[in-house]
Amino acid sequence: MAFTLYSLLQASLLIVNAVAVLHEERFLRHVGWGSDQGIGGFGEEPGIKAQLTNLIRSIRTVMRGKGTVFSIIIIIVIIIII
C-alpha cells in the first residue's frame, strides 16, 4: 500500500473520529483532563493541557454530525474501489 493523499485523508479522518468519541466524564476526567481541571486566572495564558482540552471539546462539537457523513463517504468509496 502506497502512501497517497487518500491514505493521509483516511488516517486523519480516523484520528478525528477517535477524538470525537472521547467521553469527557468516562475517560477524560479519569486521566485529569476534564473541563474543570484547566481553569486559570484572568489574563493568564492557558497551558498546553487547557489548550488540548479545548481542542478536544471543539473537535467533538464540530465533528459530531460532519464526521459521520465523512465516514460514510469514505466507506462508500472504499467499497466501490475494492
PDB file of N, CA and C in Angstrom:
ATOM      1  N   MET A   1       0.838  -1.174   0.000  1.00  0.00           N
ATOM      2  CA  MET A   1       0.000   0.000   0.000  1.00  0.00           C
ATOM      3  C   MET A   1       0.884   1.239   0.000  1.00  0.00           C
ATOM      4  N   ALA A   2       0.675   2.089  -0.962  1.00  0.00           N
ATOM      5  CA  ALA A   2       1.482   3.282  -1.107  1.00  0.00           C
ATOM      6  C   ALA A   2       0.943   4.410  -0.228  1.00  0.00           C
ATOM      7  N   PHE A   3       1.823   5.322   0.082  1.00  0.00           N
ATOM      8  CA  PHE A   3       1.439   6.495   0.859  1.00  0.00           C
ATOM      9  C   PHE A   3       0.915   7.556  -0.099  1.00  0.00           C
ATOM     10  N   THR A   4      -0.397   7.730  -0.099  1.00  0.00           N
ATOM     11  CA  THR A   4      -1.027   8.668  -1.023  1.00  0.00           C
ATOM     12  C   THR A   4      -1.798   9.724  -0.244  1.00  0.00           C
ATOM     13  N   LEU A   5      -2.317  10.694  -0.975  1.00  0.00           N
ATOM     14  CA  LEU A   5      -3.133  11.725  -0.349  1.00  0.00           C
ATOM     15  C   LEU A   5      -4.410  11.116   0.239  1.00  0.00           C
ATOM     16  N   TYR A   6      -4.962  10.124  -0.459  1.00  0.00           N
ATOM     17  CA  TYR A   6      -6.167   9.463   0.031  1.00  0.00           C
ATOM     18  C   TYR A   6      -5.898   8.745   1.359  1.00  0.00           C
ATOM     19  N   SER A   7      -4.762   8.061   1.471  1.00  0.00           N
ATOM     20  CA  SER A   7      -4.463   7.363   2.722  1.00  0.00           C
ATOM     21  C   SER A   7      -4.192   8.357   3.848  1.00  0.00           C
ATOM     22  N   LEU A   8      -3.618   9.515   3.520  1.00  0.00           N
ATOM     23  CA  LEU A   8      -3.414  10.553   4.523  1.00  0.00           C
ATOM     24  C   LEU A   8      -4.749  11.116   5.008  1.00  0.00           C
ATOM     25  N   LEU A   9      -5.677  11.356   4.087  1.00  0.00           N
ATOM     26  CA  LEU A   9      -7.008  11.835   4.464  1.00  0.00           C
ATOM     27  C   LEU A   9      -7.764  10.795   5.285  1.00  0.00           C
ATOM     28  N   GLN A  10      -7.620   9.548   4.914  1.00  0.00           N
ATOM     29  CA  GLN A  10      -8.291   8.471   5.647  1.00  0.00           C
ATOM     30  C   GLN A  10      -7.733   8.358   7.066  1.00  0.00           C
ATOM     31  N   ALA A  11      -6.428   8.456   7.224  1.00  0.00           N
ATOM     32  CA  ALA A  11      -5.822   8.385   8.550  1.00  0.00           C
ATOM     33  C   ALA A  11      -6.230   9.576   9.405  1.00  0.00           C
ATOM     34  N   SER A  12      -6.284  10.767   8.816  1.00  0.00           N
ATOM     35  CA  SER A  12      -6.698  11.940   9.589  1.00  0.00           C
ATOM     36  C   SER A  12      -8.169  11.832   9.997  1.00  0.00           C
ATOM     37  N   LEU A  13      -9.005  11.263   9.130  1.00  0.00           N
ATOM     38  CA  LEU A  13     -10.405  11.053   9.488  1.00  0.00           C
ATOM     39  C   LEU A  13     -10.532  10.074  10.652  1.00  0.00           C
ATOM     40  N   LEU A  14      -9.738   9.028  10.660  1.00  0.00           N
ATOM     41  CA  LEU A  14      -9.765   8.069  11.766  1.00  0.00           C
ATOM     42  C   LEU A  14      -9.328   8.720  13.076  1.00  0.00           C
ATOM     43  N   ILE A  15      -8.326   9.580  13.024  1.00  0.00           N
ATOM     44  CA  ILE A  15      -7.865  10.264  14.232  1.00  0.00           C
ATOM     45  C   ILE A  15      -8.922  11.228  14.750  1.00  0.00           C
ATOM     46  N   VAL A  16      -9.550  11.976  13.832  1.00  0.00           N
ATOM     47  CA  VAL A  16     -10.603  12.908  14.239  1.00  0.00           C
ATOM     48  C   VAL A  16     -11.793  12.147  14.825  1.00  0.00           C
ATOM     49  N   ASN A  17     -12.146  11.009  14.238  1.00  0.00           N
ATOM     50  CA  ASN A  17     -13.226  10.195  14.793  1.00  0.00           C
ATOM     51  C   ASN A  17     -12.871   9.673  16.178  1.00  0.00           C
ATOM     52  N   ALA A  18     -11.618   9.293  16.367  1.00  0.00           N
ATOM     53  CA  ALA A  18     -11.190   8.805  17.674  1.00  0.00           C
ATOM     54  C   ALA A  18     -11.288   9.901  18.722  1.00  0.00           C
ATOM     55  N   VAL A  19     -10.925  11.122  18.369  1.00  0.00           N
ATOM     56  CA  VAL A  19     -11.031  12.239  19.308  1.00  0.00           C
ATOM     57  C   VAL A  19     -12.491  12.592  19.552  1.00  0.00           C
ATOM     58  N   ALA A  20     -13.316  12.490  18.508  1.00  0.00           N
ATOM     59  CA  ALA A  20     -14.718  12.888  18.625  1.00  0.00           C
ATOM     60  C   ALA A  20     -15.516  11.966  19.544  1.00  0.00           C
ATOM     61  N   VAL A  21     -15.099  10.723  19.695  1.00  0.00           N
ATOM     62  CA  VAL A  21     -15.873   9.803  20.531  1.00  0.00           C
ATOM     63  C   VAL A  21     -15.393   9.759  21.979  1.00  0.00           C
ATOM     64  N   LEU A  22     -14.360  10.534  22.320  1.00  0.00           N
ATOM     65  CA  LEU A  22     -13.910  10.567  23.708  1.00  0.00           C
ATOM     66  C   LEU A  22     -15.001  11.171  24.582  1.00  0.00           C
ATOM     67  N   HIS A  23     -15.379  10.467  25.599  1.00  0.00           N
ATOM     68  CA  HIS A  23     -16.415  10.941  26.514  1.00  0.00           C
ATOM     69  C   HIS A  23     -15.734  11.618  27.695  1.00  0.00           C
ATOM     70  N   GLU A  24     -16.180  12.832  27.984  1.00  0.00           N
ATOM     71  CA  GLU A  24     -15.482  13.618  28.999  1.00  0.00           C
ATOM     72  C   GLU A  24     -15.580  13.016  30.388  1.00  0.00           C
ATOM     73  N   GLU A  25     -16.754  12.548  30.777  1.00  0.00           N
ATOM     74  CA  GLU A  25     -16.908  12.019  32.129  1.00  0.00           C
ATOM     75  C   GLU A  25     -16.362  10.603  32.273  1.00  0.00           C
ATOM     76  N   ARG A  26     -16.423   9.818  31.218  1.00  0.00           N
ATOM     77  CA  ARG A  26     -15.982   8.427  31.330  1.00  0.00           C
ATOM     78  C   ARG A  26     -14.480   8.270  31.158  1.00  0.00           C
ATOM     79  N   PHE A  27     -13.870   9.100  30.318  1.00  0.00           N
ATOM     80  CA  PHE A  27     -12.462   8.903  30.029  1.00  0.00           C
ATOM     81  C   PHE A  27     -11.599  10.084  30.447  1.00  0.00           C
ATOM     82  N   LEU A  28     -11.960  11.276  30.005  1.00  0.00           N
ATOM     83  CA  LEU A  28     -11.073  12.421  30.184  1.00  0.00           C
ATOM     84  C   LEU A  28     -10.925  12.835  31.643  1.00  0.00           C
ATOM     85  N   ARG A  29     -11.988  12.734  32.437  1.00  0.00           N
ATOM     86  CA  ARG A  29     -11.861  13.103  33.850  1.00  0.00           C
ATOM     87  C   ARG A  29     -10.993  12.134  34.627  1.00  0.00           C
ATOM     88  N   HIS A  30     -11.001  10.875  34.220  1.00  0.00           N
ATOM     89  CA  HIS A  30     -10.201   9.876  34.939  1.00  0.00           C
ATOM     90  C   HIS A  30      -8.707  10.088  34.728  1.00  0.00           C
ATOM     91  N   VAL A  31      -8.336  10.694  33.621  1.00  0.00           N
ATOM     92  CA  VAL A  31      -6.921  10.969  33.375  1.00  0.00           C
ATOM     93  C   VAL A  31      -6.565  12.411  33.710  1.00  0.00           C
ATOM     94  N   GLY A  32      -7.513  13.167  34.268  1.00  0.00           N
ATOM     95  CA  GLY A  32      -7.239  14.521  34.711  1.00  0.00           C
ATOM     96  C   GLY A  32      -7.394  15.578  33.641  1.00  0.00           C
ATOM     97  N   TRP A  33      -8.182  15.299  32.593  1.00  0.00           N
ATOM     98  CA  TRP A  33      -8.357  16.255  31.504  1.00  0.00           C
ATOM     99  C   TRP A  33      -9.795  16.723  31.410  1.00  0.00           C
ATOM    100  N   GLY A  34     -10.502  16.792  32.506  1.00  0.00           N
ATOM    101  CA  GLY A  34     -11.883  17.247  32.500  1.00  0.00           C
ATOM    102  C   GLY A  34     -11.985  18.742  32.262  1.00  0.00           C
ATOM    103  N   SER A  35     -13.204  19.223  32.074  1.00  0.00           N
ATOM    104  CA  SER A  35     -13.401  20.643  31.764  1.00  0.00           C
ATOM    105  C   SER A  35     -13.102  21.541  32.956  1.00  0.00           C
ATOM    106  N   ASP A  36     -13.219  21.035  34.158  1.00  0.00           N
ATOM    107  CA  ASP A  36     -12.967  21.862  35.329  1.00  0.00           C
ATOM    108  C   ASP A  36     -11.505  21.808  35.787  1.00  0.00           C
ATOM    109  N   GLN A  37     -10.654  21.098  35.077  1.00  0.00           N
ATOM    110  CA  GLN A  37      -9.278  20.928  35.506  1.00  0.00           C
ATOM    111  C   GLN A  37      -8.376  22.113  35.132  1.00  0.00           C
ATOM    112  N   GLY A  38      -8.623  22.756  34.001  1.00  0.00           N
ATOM    113  CA  GLY A  38      -7.690  23.749  33.499  1.00  0.00           C
ATOM    114  C   GLY A  38      -8.161  25.180  33.643  1.00  0.00           C
ATOM    115  N   ILE A  39      -8.739  25.547  34.772  1.00  0.00           N
ATOM    116  CA  ILE A  39      -9.239  26.901  34.955  1.00  0.00           C
ATOM    117  C   ILE A  39      -8.100  27.780  35.440  1.00  0.00           C
ATOM    118  N   GLY A  40      -7.821  28.827  34.666  1.00  0.00           N
ATOM    119  CA  GLY A  40      -6.755  29.744  35.029  1.00  0.00           C
ATOM    120  C   GLY A  40      -7.329  31.095  35.405  1.00  0.00           C
ATOM    121  N   GLY A  41      -6.440  32.016  35.735  1.00  0.00           N
ATOM    122  CA  GLY A  41      -6.874  33.356  36.097  1.00  0.00           C
ATOM    123  C   GLY A  41      -7.072  34.228  34.872  1.00  0.00           C
ATOM    124  N   PHE A  42      -7.605  35.410  35.090  1.00  0.00           N
ATOM    125  CA  PHE A  42      -7.862  36.346  34.007  1.00  0.00           C
ATOM    126  C   PHE A  42      -6.538  36.908  33.495  1.00  0.00           C
ATOM    127  N   GLY A  43      -6.343  36.870  32.193  1.00  0.00           N
ATOM    128  CA  GLY A  43      -5.137  37.425  31.596  1.00  0.00           C
ATOM    129  C   GLY A  43      -3.980  36.460  31.515  1.00  0.00           C
ATOM    130  N   GLU A  44      -4.105  35.298  32.097  1.00  0.00           N
ATOM    131  CA  GLU A  44      -3.034  34.307  32.033  1.00  0.00           C
ATOM    132  C   GLU A  44      -3.144  33.511  30.742  1.00  0.00           C
ATOM    133  N   GLU A  45      -2.021  33.151  30.198  1.00  0.00           N
ATOM    134  CA  GLU A  45      -2.005  32.279  29.029  1.00  0.00           C
ATOM    135  C   GLU A  45      -2.401  30.876  29.471  1.00  0.00           C
ATOM    136  N   PRO A  46      -3.335  30.241  28.761  1.00  0.00           N
ATOM    137  CA  PRO A  46      -3.690  28.865  29.136  1.00  0.00           C
ATOM    138  C   PRO A  46      -2.528  27.916  28.840  1.00  0.00           C
ATOM    139  N   GLY A  47      -2.386  26.937  29.672  1.00  0.00           N
ATOM    140  CA  GLY A  47      -1.320  25.960  29.495  1.00  0.00           C
ATOM    141  C   GLY A  47      -1.634  24.995  28.361  1.00  0.00           C
ATOM    142  N   ILE A  48      -0.691  24.127  28.073  1.00  0.00           N
ATOM    143  CA  ILE A  48      -0.848  23.165  26.986  1.00  0.00           C
ATOM    144  C   ILE A  48      -1.991  22.195  27.279  1.00  0.00           C
ATOM    145  N   LYS A  49      -2.173  21.850  28.530  1.00  0.00           N
ATOM    146  CA  LYS A  49      -3.254  20.932  28.912  1.00  0.00           C
ATOM    147  C   LYS A  49      -4.618  21.571  28.652  1.00  0.00           C
ATOM    148  N   ALA A  50      -4.780  22.846  29.014  1.00  0.00           N
ATOM    149  CA  ALA A  50      -6.043  23.548  28.771  1.00  0.00           C
ATOM    150  C   ALA A  50      -6.284  23.731  27.279  1.00  0.00           C
ATOM    151  N   GLN A  51      -5.235  23.993  26.518  1.00  0.00           N
ATOM    152  CA  GLN A  51      -5.386  24.149  25.077  1.00  0.00           C
ATOM    153  C   GLN A  51      -5.793  22.844  24.420  1.00  0.00           C
ATOM    154  N   LEU A  52      -5.199  21.725  24.835  1.00  0.00           N
ATOM    155  CA  LEU A  52      -5.576  20.431  24.273  1.00  0.00           C
ATOM    156  C   LEU A  52      -6.995  20.037  24.675  1.00  0.00           C
ATOM    157  N   THR A  53      -7.383  20.363  25.890  1.00  0.00           N
ATOM    158  CA  THR A  53      -8.753  20.091  26.320  1.00  0.00           C
ATOM    159  C   THR A  53      -9.749  20.891  25.490  1.00  0.00           C
ATOM    160  N   ASN A  54      -9.429  22.162  25.235  1.00  0.00           N
ATOM    161  CA  ASN A  54     -10.299  22.981  24.390  1.00  0.00           C
ATOM    162  C   ASN A  54     -10.333  22.461  22.960  1.00  0.00           C
ATOM    163  N   LEU A  55      -9.207  21.973  22.441  1.00  0.00           N
ATOM    164  CA  LEU A  55      -9.165  21.403  21.100  1.00  0.00           C
ATOM    165  C   LEU A  55     -10.043  20.156  21.004  1.00  0.00           C
ATOM    166  N   ILE A  56      -9.950  19.286  22.007  1.00  0.00           N
ATOM    167  CA  ILE A  56     -10.774  18.073  22.023  1.00  0.00           C
ATOM    168  C   ILE A  56     -12.250  18.436  22.089  1.00  0.00           C
ATOM    169  N   ARG A  57     -12.605  19.395  22.925  1.00  0.00           N
ATOM    170  CA  ARG A  57     -14.001  19.819  23.040  1.00  0.00           C
ATOM    171  C   ARG A  57     -14.499  20.439  21.734  1.00  0.00           C
ATOM    172  N   SER A  58     -13.650  21.205  21.067  1.00  0.00           N
ATOM    173  CA  SER A  58     -14.039  21.823  19.793  1.00  0.00           C
ATOM    174  C   SER A  58     -14.232  20.775  18.705  1.00  0.00           C
ATOM    175  N   ILE A  59     -13.329  19.799  18.644  1.00  0.00           N
ATOM    176  CA  ILE A  59     -13.466  18.730  17.652  1.00  0.00           C
ATOM    177  C   ILE A  59     -14.737  17.946  17.905  1.00  0.00           C
ATOM    178  N   ARG A  60     -15.036  17.663  19.158  1.00  0.00           N
ATOM    179  CA  ARG A  60     -16.255  16.921  19.471  1.00  0.00           C
ATOM    180  C   ARG A  60     -17.496  17.707  19.069  1.00  0.00           C
ATOM    181  N   THR A  61     -17.470  19.028  19.249  1.00  0.00           N
ATOM    182  CA  THR A  61     -18.630  19.854  18.909  1.00  0.00           C
ATOM    183  C   THR A  61     -18.828  19.955  17.405  1.00  0.00           C
ATOM    184  N   VAL A  62     -17.756  20.237  16.684  1.00  0.00           N
ATOM    185  CA  VAL A  62     -17.858  20.488  15.249  1.00  0.00           C
ATOM    186  C   VAL A  62     -18.074  19.203  14.458  1.00  0.00           C
ATOM    187  N   MET A  63     -17.397  18.140  14.815  1.00  0.00           N
ATOM    188  CA  MET A  63     -17.403  16.931  14.004  1.00  0.00           C
ATOM    189  C   MET A  63     -18.465  15.922  14.405  1.00  0.00           C
ATOM    190  N   ARG A  64     -19.387  16.298  15.247  1.00  0.00           N
ATOM    191  CA  ARG A  64     -20.401  15.329  15.678  1.00  0.00           C
ATOM    192  C   ARG A  64     -21.232  14.833  14.503  1.00  0.00           C
ATOM    193  N   GLY A  65     -21.763  15.699  13.690  1.00  0.00           N
ATOM    194  CA  GLY A  65     -22.574  15.287  12.544  1.00  0.00           C
ATOM    195  C   GLY A  65     -21.756  15.126  11.283  1.00  0.00           C
ATOM    196  N   LYS A  66     -20.798  16.022  11.083  1.00  0.00           N
ATOM    197  CA  LYS A  66     -19.993  16.001   9.866  1.00  0.00           C
ATOM    198  C   LYS A  66     -19.083  14.777   9.819  1.00  0.00           C
ATOM    199  N   GLY A  67     -18.588  14.347  10.948  1.00  0.00           N
ATOM    200  CA  GLY A  67     -17.714  13.177  10.981  1.00  0.00           C
ATOM    201  C   GLY A  67     -18.423  11.926  10.510  1.00  0.00           C
ATOM    202  N   THR A  68     -19.694  11.806  10.853  1.00  0.00           N
ATOM    203  CA  THR A  68     -20.481  10.665  10.403  1.00  0.00           C
ATOM    204  C   THR A  68     -20.647  10.682   8.892  1.00  0.00           C
ATOM    205  N   VAL A  69     -20.936  11.853   8.345  1.00  0.00           N
ATOM    206  CA  VAL A  69     -21.108  11.974   6.895  1.00  0.00           C
ATOM    207  C   VAL A  69     -19.801  11.663   6.175  1.00  0.00           C
ATOM    208  N   PHE A  70     -18.690  12.217   6.656  1.00  0.00           N
ATOM    209  CA  PHE A  70     -17.390  11.941   6.037  1.00  0.00           C
ATOM    210  C   PHE A  70     -17.033  10.467   6.123  1.00  0.00           C
ATOM    211  N   SER A  71     -17.327   9.845   7.242  1.00  0.00           N
ATOM    212  CA  SER A  71     -17.030   8.421   7.405  1.00  0.00           C
ATOM    213  C   SER A  71     -17.843   7.579   6.432  1.00  0.00           C
ATOM    214  N   ILE A  72     -19.114   7.906   6.259  1.00  0.00           N
ATOM    215  CA  ILE A  72     -19.956   7.165   5.319  1.00  0.00           C
ATOM    216  C   ILE A  72     -19.428   7.318   3.892  1.00  0.00           C
ATOM    217  N   ILE A  73     -19.013   8.531   3.528  1.00  0.00           N
ATOM    218  CA  ILE A  73     -18.462   8.757   2.189  1.00  0.00           C
ATOM    219  C   ILE A  73     -17.196   7.935   1.979  1.00  0.00           C
ATOM    220  N   ILE A  74     -16.316   7.911   2.966  1.00  0.00           N
ATOM    221  CA  ILE A  74     -15.070   7.130   2.856  1.00  0.00           C
ATOM    222  C   ILE A  74     -15.384   5.643   2.741  1.00  0.00           C
ATOM    223  N   ILE A  75     -16.334   5.150   3.512  1.00  0.00           N
ATOM    224  CA  ILE A  75     -16.704   3.731   3.442  1.00  0.00           C
ATOM    225  C   ILE A  75     -17.264   3.383   2.072  1.00  0.00           C
ATOM    226  N   ILE A  76     -18.107   4.245   1.516  1.00  0.00           N
ATOM    227  CA  ILE A  76     -18.655   4.009   0.188  1.00  0.00           C
ATOM    228  C   ILE A  76     -17.559   3.997  -0.872  1.00  0.00           C
ATOM    229  N   VAL A  77     -16.606   4.930  -0.779  1.00  0.00           N
ATOM    230  CA  VAL A  77     -15.503   4.973  -1.725  1.00  0.00           C
ATOM    231  C   VAL A  77     -14.660   3.702  -1.624  1.00  0.00           C
ATOM    232  N   ILE A  78     -14.404   3.234  -0.419  1.00  0.00           N
ATOM    233  CA  ILE A  78     -13.620   2.002  -0.239  1.00  0.00           C
ATOM    234  C   ILE A  78     -14.359   0.810  -0.839  1.00  0.00           C
ATOM    235  N   ILE A  79     -15.668   0.731  -0.644  1.00  0.00           N
ATOM    236  CA  ILE A  79     -16.444  -0.377  -1.178  1.00  0.00           C
ATOM    237  C   ILE A  79     -16.434  -0.345  -2.705  1.00  0.00           C
ATOM    238  N   ILE A  80     -16.557   0.831  -3.286  1.00  0.00           N
ATOM    239  CA  ILE A  80     -16.556   0.955  -4.745  1.00  0.00           C
ATOM    240  C   ILE A  80     -15.192   0.593  -5.332  1.00  0.00           C
ATOM    241  N   ILE A  81     -14.112   1.036  -4.688  1.00  0.00           N
ATOM    242  CA  ILE A  81     -12.757   0.769  -5.196  1.00  0.00           C
ATOM    243  C   ILE A  81     -12.433  -0.717  -5.090  1.00  0.00           C
ATOM    244  N   ILE A  82     -12.757  -1.331  -3.979  1.00  0.00           N
ATOM    245  CA  ILE A  82     -12.410  -2.754  -3.766  1.00  0.00           C
ATOM    246  C   ILE A  82     -13.498  -3.576  -4.377  1.00  0.00           C
TER     247      ILE A  82
END
